[in-house]
Amino acid sequence: MLFMVIESFRGGNAEPVYARFRTRGRLAPDGVNYVNSWVTADLTRCYQVMESPSRALLDEWMAAWSDLVEFEVIPVITSPEAAARVPSP
């Protein structure tokens, strides 16, 4: 399953997030995979696509960051998957 994860850095402060990432890595449990991410120019938010077999595993990963980040999670599918689900006229 793919998830769009919107991360809002607490206090708008990216510094502690990147400090932890540099020293400890992504902290994702086995089965949770990083796909790609984009950060706002003001460094207050990250839009990240993660892949996980379950929301429960994703929740484990987010728990490791919840002191520094507020999360919004949206299950997503790829554009080709969406096109296949929409009937042709």
C-alpha atoms as a PDB file:
ATOM      1  CA  MET A   1       0.000   0.000   0.000  1.00  0.00           C
ATOM      2  CA  LEU A   2       1.137   3.528  -0.726  1.00  0.00           C
ATOM      3  CA  PHE A   3       0.613   6.411   1.670  1.00  0.00           C
ATOM      4  CA  MET A   4       1.045  10.147   1.168  1.00  0.00           C
ATOM      5  CA  VAL A   5       2.386  11.341   4.493  1.00  0.00           C
ATOM      6  CA  ILE A   6       2.234  15.049   5.198  1.00  0.00           C
ATOM      7  CA  GLU A   7       4.682  15.934   7.935  1.00  0.00           C
ATOM      8  CA  SER A   8       4.435  19.264   9.714  1.00  0.00           C
ATOM      9  CA  PHE A   9       7.566  19.969  11.722  1.00  0.00           C
ATOM     10  CA  ARG A  10       6.625  20.964  15.267  1.00  0.00           C
ATOM     11  CA  GLY A  11       7.169  24.676  15.775  1.00  0.00           C
ATOM     12  CA  GLY A  12       8.033  24.926  12.076  1.00  0.00           C
ATOM     13  CA  ASN A  13      11.527  23.739  13.020  1.00  0.00           C
ATOM     14  CA  ALA A  14      13.233  21.301  10.631  1.00  0.00           C
ATOM     15  CA  GLU A  15      16.543  21.318  12.504  1.00  0.00           C
ATOM     16  CA  PRO A  16      15.780  18.605  15.105  1.00  0.00           C
ATOM     17  CA  VAL A  17      14.151  16.427  12.439  1.00  0.00           C
ATOM     18  CA  TYR A  18      17.208  16.486  10.203  1.00  0.00           C
ATOM     19  CA  ALA A  19      19.561  16.103  13.180  1.00  0.00           C
ATOM     20  CA  ARG A  20      17.814  12.875  14.208  1.00  0.00           C
ATOM     21  CA  PHE A  21      17.699  11.639  10.618  1.00  0.00           C
ATOM     22  CA  ARG A  22      21.439  12.229  10.216  1.00  0.00           C
ATOM     23  CA  THR A  23      22.315  10.345  13.407  1.00  0.00           C
ATOM     24  CA  ARG A  24      19.679   7.582  13.468  1.00  0.00           C
ATOM     25  CA  GLY A  25      18.342   7.238   9.927  1.00  0.00           C
ATOM     26  CA  ARG A  26      14.710   6.913   8.884  1.00  0.00           C
ATOM     27  CA  LEU A  27      13.805   4.618  11.835  1.00  0.00           C
ATOM     28  CA  ALA A  28      11.368   2.665   9.677  1.00  0.00           C
ATOM     29  CA  PRO A  29      10.502  -0.879  10.734  1.00  0.00           C
ATOM     30  CA  ASP A  30      11.074  -3.749   8.306  1.00  0.00           C
ATOM     31  CA  GLY A  31       8.488  -3.592   5.549  1.00  0.00           C
ATOM     32  CA  VAL A  32       8.091   0.200   5.567  1.00  0.00           C
ATOM     33  CA  ASN A  33       9.847   1.691   2.555  1.00  0.00           C
ATOM     34  CA  TYR A  34      10.565   5.289   1.593  1.00  0.00           C
ATOM     35  CA  VAL A  35       9.498   6.095  -1.991  1.00  0.00           C
ATOM     36  CA  ASN A  36      10.157   9.833  -2.394  1.00  0.00           C
ATOM     37  CA  SER A  37       9.661  13.172  -0.677  1.00  0.00           C
ATOM     38  CA  TRP A  38       9.417  16.913  -1.219  1.00  0.00           C
ATOM     39  CA  VAL A  39       9.978  19.643   1.361  1.00  0.00           C
ATOM     40  CA  THR A  40       8.420  23.094   1.285  1.00  0.00           C
ATOM     41  CA  ALA A  41      10.829  25.923   0.540  1.00  0.00           C
ATOM     42  CA  ASP A  42      10.353  27.340   4.041  1.00  0.00           C
ATOM     43  CA  LEU A  43      11.399  23.969   5.549  1.00  0.00           C
ATOM     44  CA  THR A  44       8.254  23.583   7.670  1.00  0.00           C
ATOM     45  CA  ARG A  45       6.591  20.635   5.906  1.00  0.00           C
ATOM     46  CA  CYS A  46       7.499  17.443   4.123  1.00  0.00           C
ATOM     47  CA  TYR A  47       5.308  15.577   1.641  1.00  0.00           C
ATOM     48  CA  GLN A  48       6.463  11.990   1.621  1.00  0.00           C
ATOM     49  CA  VAL A  49       5.311   8.829  -0.132  1.00  0.00           C
ATOM     50  CA  MET A  50       5.839   5.684   1.907  1.00  0.00           C
ATOM     51  CA  GLU A  51       5.064   2.072   1.067  1.00  0.00           C
ATOM     52  CA  SER A  52       3.895  -0.329   3.755  1.00  0.00           C
ATOM     53  CA  PRO A  53       1.946  -3.576   3.845  1.00  0.00           C
ATOM     54  CA  SER A  54      -0.203  -2.132   6.638  1.00  0.00           C
ATOM     55  CA  ARG A  55      -1.134   1.110   8.341  1.00  0.00           C
ATOM     56  CA  ALA A  56      -0.057  -0.455  11.662  1.00  0.00           C
ATOM     57  CA  LEU A  57       3.578  -0.670  10.522  1.00  0.00           C
ATOM     58  CA  LEU A  58       3.412   2.898   9.259  1.00  0.00           C
ATOM     59  CA  ASP A  59       2.095   3.932  12.683  1.00  0.00           C
ATOM     60  CA  GLU A  60       5.194   2.328  14.281  1.00  0.00           C
ATOM     61  CA  TRP A  61       7.424   4.477  12.094  1.00  0.00           C
ATOM     62  CA  MET A  62       5.474   7.638  12.876  1.00  0.00           C
ATOM     63  CA  ALA A  63       5.673   6.931  16.618  1.00  0.00           C
ATOM     64  CA  ALA A  64       9.473   7.260  16.391  1.00  0.00           C
ATOM     65  CA  TRP A  65       9.036  10.823  15.087  1.00  0.00           C
ATOM     66  CA  SER A  66       5.863  12.031  16.799  1.00  0.00           C
ATOM     67  CA  ASP A  67       7.771  14.187  19.286  1.00  0.00           C
ATOM     68  CA  LEU A  68       9.132  16.248  16.373  1.00  0.00           C
ATOM     69  CA  VAL A  69       6.490  15.891  13.661  1.00  0.00           C
ATOM     70  CA  GLU A  70       2.705  16.029  13.313  1.00  0.00           C
ATOM     71  CA  PHE A  71       1.417  13.603  10.677  1.00  0.00           C
ATOM     72  CA  GLU A  72      -1.455  13.447   8.241  1.00  0.00           C
ATOM     73  CA  VAL A  73      -1.737  10.169   6.312  1.00  0.00           C
ATOM     74  CA  ILE A  74      -3.647   9.632   3.084  1.00  0.00           C
ATOM     75  CA  PRO A  75      -3.765   6.219   1.379  1.00  0.00           C
ATOM     76  CA  VAL A  76      -3.030   6.722  -2.333  1.00  0.00           C
ATOM     77  CA  ILE A  77      -2.816   4.723  -5.543  1.00  0.00           C
ATOM     78  CA  THR A  78      -0.777   5.370  -8.665  1.00  0.00           C
ATOM     79  CA  SER A  79      -2.240   7.203 -11.659  1.00  0.00           C
ATOM     80  CA  PRO A  80      -2.259   4.004 -13.781  1.00  0.00           C
ATOM     81  CA  GLU A  81      -4.158   2.204 -10.991  1.00  0.00           C
ATOM     82  CA  ALA A  82      -6.674   5.045 -10.846  1.00  0.00           C
ATOM     83  CA  ALA A  83      -7.154   5.002 -14.632  1.00  0.00           C
ATOM     84  CA  ALA A  84      -7.773   1.242 -14.531  1.00  0.00           C
ATOM     85  CA  ARG A  85     -10.503   1.710 -11.913  1.00  0.00           C
ATOM     86  CA  VAL A  86     -12.396   4.347 -13.902  1.00  0.00           C
ATOM     87  CA  PRO A  87     -14.686   2.789 -16.495  1.00  0.00           C
ATOM     88  CA  SER A  88     -14.280   3.828 -20.105  1.00  0.00           C
ATOM     89  CA  PRO A  89     -17.275   5.599 -21.660  1.00  0.00           C
END
